[in-house]
């Protein structure tokens, strides 16, 4: 009986460790937007910002302070 519990614990631990590794691999495989890319005016507004046409910068939102194409 004790051996069964130890074996079940080992299998459960291995299964949980496997789920953690696949989640980490998925997160690492999805590329994030490069900060070097300039957003378009539409992307700036979709990100919650407004375009400052005097300086060509996105103000507020996701792309705050980035140059607009």
N, C-alpha and C. Protein backbone atom coordinates (compact mmCIF):
# COMPACT_ATOMS: atom_id res chain seq x y z
N UNK A 1 0.82 -1.19 0.00
CA UNK A 1 0.00 0.00 0.00
C UNK A 1 0.88 1.27 0.00
N UNK A 2 1.94 1.23 0.78
CA UNK A 2 2.82 2.39 0.85
C UNK A 2 3.52 2.63 -0.48
N UNK A 3 3.89 1.56 -1.15
CA UNK A 3 4.56 1.68 -2.44
C UNK A 3 3.62 2.32 -3.46
N UNK A 4 2.36 1.98 -3.43
CA UNK A 4 1.38 2.57 -4.36
C UNK A 4 1.28 4.08 -4.16
N UNK A 5 1.25 4.50 -2.89
CA UNK A 5 1.16 5.94 -2.61
C UNK A 5 2.40 6.67 -3.11
N UNK A 6 3.55 6.09 -2.89
CA UNK A 6 4.80 6.72 -3.35
C UNK A 6 4.82 6.79 -4.87
N UNK A 7 4.42 5.70 -5.51
CA UNK A 7 4.38 5.68 -6.97
C UNK A 7 3.38 6.70 -7.51
N UNK A 8 2.21 6.80 -6.89
CA UNK A 8 1.20 7.77 -7.33
C UNK A 8 1.70 9.20 -7.15
N UNK A 9 2.39 9.45 -6.05
CA UNK A 9 2.95 10.78 -5.81
C UNK A 9 4.01 11.13 -6.86
N UNK A 10 4.85 10.16 -7.18
CA UNK A 10 5.90 10.40 -8.18
C UNK A 10 5.29 10.68 -9.55
N UNK A 11 4.26 9.93 -9.93
CA UNK A 11 3.61 10.15 -11.23
C UNK A 11 2.91 11.51 -11.26
N UNK A 12 2.24 11.87 -10.17
CA UNK A 12 1.56 13.17 -10.11
C UNK A 12 2.56 14.31 -10.19
N UNK A 13 3.68 14.18 -9.52
CA UNK A 13 4.72 15.21 -9.55
C UNK A 13 5.29 15.36 -10.96
N UNK A 14 5.54 14.24 -11.61
CA UNK A 14 6.07 14.29 -12.97
C UNK A 14 5.07 14.91 -13.93
N UNK A 15 3.79 14.61 -13.74
CA UNK A 15 2.76 15.18 -14.61
C UNK A 15 2.67 16.68 -14.42
N UNK A 16 2.71 17.13 -13.18
CA UNK A 16 2.64 18.57 -12.92
C UNK A 16 3.88 19.29 -13.43
N UNK A 17 5.03 18.67 -13.30
CA UNK A 17 6.26 19.28 -13.81
C UNK A 17 6.20 19.38 -15.33
N UNK A 18 5.63 18.37 -15.98
CA UNK A 18 5.49 18.41 -17.43
C UNK A 18 4.58 19.52 -17.88
N UNK A 19 3.50 19.76 -17.17
CA UNK A 19 2.59 20.85 -17.52
C UNK A 19 3.28 22.19 -17.36
N UNK A 20 4.09 22.33 -16.34
CA UNK A 20 4.82 23.58 -16.14
C UNK A 20 5.82 23.84 -17.25
N UNK A 21 6.48 22.79 -17.71
CA UNK A 21 7.46 22.97 -18.78
C UNK A 21 6.80 23.31 -20.10
N UNK A 22 5.65 22.71 -20.40
CA UNK A 22 4.99 23.03 -21.67
C UNK A 22 4.44 24.45 -21.64
N UNK A 23 3.97 24.90 -20.49
CA UNK A 23 3.50 26.28 -20.38
C UNK A 23 4.63 27.27 -20.57
N UNK A 24 5.79 26.96 -20.01
CA UNK A 24 6.94 27.85 -20.16
C UNK A 24 7.43 27.87 -21.61
N UNK A 25 7.39 26.72 -22.27
CA UNK A 25 7.83 26.67 -23.67
C UNK A 25 6.87 27.45 -24.56
N UNK A 26 5.59 27.39 -24.28
CA UNK A 26 4.61 28.13 -25.06
C UNK A 26 4.80 29.63 -24.88
N UNK A 27 5.04 30.04 -23.64
CA UNK A 27 5.24 31.47 -23.37
C UNK A 27 6.51 31.98 -24.04
N UNK A 28 7.55 31.16 -24.08
CA UNK A 28 8.81 31.59 -24.68
C UNK A 28 8.72 31.60 -26.20
N UNK A 29 7.85 30.78 -26.77
CA UNK A 29 7.77 30.67 -28.23
C UNK A 29 6.97 31.81 -28.85
N UNK A 30 6.09 32.46 -28.10
CA UNK A 30 5.27 33.52 -28.69
C UNK A 30 6.06 34.83 -28.67
N UNK A 31 6.36 35.38 -29.83
CA UNK A 31 7.17 36.60 -29.87
C UNK A 31 6.37 37.83 -29.45
N UNK A 32 7.01 38.70 -28.74
CA UNK A 32 6.38 39.96 -28.34
C UNK A 32 6.67 41.01 -29.41
N UNK A 33 5.90 42.06 -29.43
CA UNK A 33 6.13 43.14 -30.39
C UNK A 33 7.46 43.81 -30.07
N UNK A 34 8.23 44.04 -31.08
CA UNK A 34 9.53 44.65 -30.90
C UNK A 34 9.37 46.13 -30.56
N UNK A 35 10.06 46.60 -29.51
CA UNK A 35 9.93 48.01 -29.16
C UNK A 35 10.56 48.93 -30.20
N UNK A 36 11.38 48.39 -31.12
CA UNK A 36 12.01 49.20 -32.14
C UNK A 36 11.05 49.56 -33.26
N UNK A 37 9.95 48.81 -33.40
CA UNK A 37 8.99 49.09 -34.46
C UNK A 37 8.14 50.30 -34.09
N UNK A 38 7.89 51.14 -35.07
CA UNK A 38 7.04 52.30 -34.84
C UNK A 38 5.58 51.92 -35.09
N UNK A 39 4.69 52.27 -34.18
CA UNK A 39 3.28 51.95 -34.41
C UNK A 39 2.67 52.88 -35.45
N UNK A 40 1.63 52.41 -36.10
CA UNK A 40 0.87 53.26 -37.02
C UNK A 40 -0.07 54.12 -36.18
N UNK A 41 -0.64 55.18 -36.76
CA UNK A 41 -1.60 55.98 -36.00
C UNK A 41 -2.78 55.14 -35.49
N UNK A 42 -3.23 54.18 -36.30
CA UNK A 42 -4.33 53.32 -35.87
C UNK A 42 -3.94 52.44 -34.69
N UNK A 43 -2.72 51.91 -34.70
CA UNK A 43 -2.25 51.08 -33.59
C UNK A 43 -2.12 51.91 -32.32
N UNK A 44 -1.66 53.14 -32.47
CA UNK A 44 -1.54 54.04 -31.32
C UNK A 44 -2.92 54.26 -30.68
N UNK A 45 -3.92 54.52 -31.51
CA UNK A 45 -5.26 54.77 -30.98
C UNK A 45 -5.90 53.50 -30.43
N UNK A 46 -5.67 52.36 -31.08
CA UNK A 46 -6.19 51.09 -30.56
C UNK A 46 -5.56 50.74 -29.23
N UNK A 47 -4.33 51.16 -29.03
CA UNK A 47 -3.63 50.90 -27.78
C UNK A 47 -4.02 51.85 -26.67
N UNK A 48 -4.95 52.75 -26.95
CA UNK A 48 -5.44 53.67 -25.93
C UNK A 48 -4.75 55.02 -25.91
N UNK A 49 -3.96 55.31 -26.92
CA UNK A 49 -3.26 56.58 -26.96
C UNK A 49 -3.81 57.52 -28.02
N UNK A 50 -3.23 58.68 -28.10
CA UNK A 50 -3.57 59.65 -29.14
C UNK A 50 -2.28 60.09 -29.82
N UNK A 51 -2.38 60.44 -31.08
CA UNK A 51 -1.21 60.85 -31.85
C UNK A 51 -1.00 62.35 -31.68
N UNK A 52 0.21 62.72 -31.27
CA UNK A 52 0.60 64.12 -31.20
C UNK A 52 1.30 64.43 -32.51
N UNK A 53 0.57 65.06 -33.45
CA UNK A 53 1.10 65.30 -34.79
C UNK A 53 2.22 66.33 -34.81
N UNK A 54 2.31 67.18 -33.80
CA UNK A 54 3.39 68.17 -33.76
C UNK A 54 4.75 67.50 -33.56
N UNK A 55 4.76 66.41 -32.78
CA UNK A 55 6.03 65.73 -32.49
C UNK A 55 6.10 64.33 -33.09
N UNK A 56 5.01 63.87 -33.73
CA UNK A 56 4.90 62.51 -34.27
C UNK A 56 5.10 61.44 -33.20
N UNK A 57 4.59 61.69 -32.01
CA UNK A 57 4.69 60.73 -30.92
C UNK A 57 3.30 60.25 -30.52
N UNK A 58 3.25 59.03 -30.03
CA UNK A 58 2.02 58.47 -29.47
C UNK A 58 2.01 58.86 -27.99
N UNK A 59 0.93 59.47 -27.55
CA UNK A 59 0.82 59.91 -26.16
C UNK A 59 -0.20 59.04 -25.43
N UNK A 60 0.26 58.37 -24.37
CA UNK A 60 -0.61 57.52 -23.56
C UNK A 60 -0.79 56.14 -24.18
N UNK A 61 -1.35 55.24 -23.42
CA UNK A 61 -1.63 53.89 -23.91
C UNK A 61 -0.41 53.01 -24.00
N UNK A 62 -0.54 51.98 -24.80
CA UNK A 62 0.49 50.95 -24.93
C UNK A 62 1.78 51.49 -25.55
N UNK A 63 1.67 52.38 -26.51
CA UNK A 63 2.83 52.87 -27.27
C UNK A 63 3.28 54.25 -26.82
N UNK A 64 3.07 54.61 -25.58
CA UNK A 64 3.37 55.94 -25.07
C UNK A 64 4.84 56.31 -25.32
N UNK A 65 5.03 57.44 -25.99
CA UNK A 65 6.38 57.96 -26.22
C UNK A 65 7.06 57.44 -27.46
N UNK A 66 6.42 56.53 -28.19
CA UNK A 66 7.05 55.98 -29.40
C UNK A 66 6.70 56.83 -30.61
N UNK A 67 7.65 56.87 -31.55
CA UNK A 67 7.42 57.60 -32.80
C UNK A 67 6.34 56.89 -33.62
N UNK A 68 5.47 57.66 -34.26
CA UNK A 68 4.41 57.12 -35.09
C UNK A 68 4.83 57.17 -36.55
N UNK A 69 4.56 56.09 -37.29
CA UNK A 69 4.89 56.05 -38.72
C UNK A 69 4.06 57.05 -39.48
